Amino acid sequence: QVQLVESGGGLVQAGGSLRLSCAASGRALRLYNVGWFRQAPGKEREFVATISRSGVYSDYADSVKGRFIISKDNSQNTVYLQMNSLKPEDTAVYSCAAEGSVPYSVRARWMEYDYWGQGTQVTVSS
């Protein structure tokens, strides 16, 4: 079983950047595809991005494509989400999640993931 811990959230002005980290322990992150999801108050959990076990393949929600970059460092057992050109509508709790299916395919539904972190708050002011 893998444990996930997010960090890097905070308050940033619109147009700014943040980098979130998802650190894994318990098992090697190279065994898992990892996704980032977010949930704003009163809204459903929303897919943001996902990356394959090897880190070679990645996919993004249309709302963040071209602004966010997901990356994976298996040697550090960590997945990152670089968020640029942030908008107020990006405000949410961001969570990372892991699942071990092969081969890789885009999994954009939160129920497809088995392990979750506790989340980190991102607030973008206008």
Foldseek 3Di string as FASTA:
>chain_A
DKAWAKDWADEEAAQAKIKMKIAIDDDQQLQWKKFKWWDDPPDDIWTAKIAHSVQPDMDGDPVQPPFWDWGDDRVRRMIMIIGGRDDQVVWTWMKMFIDRDPDDDDDTDPVRGDYIHPTDTHGYHD
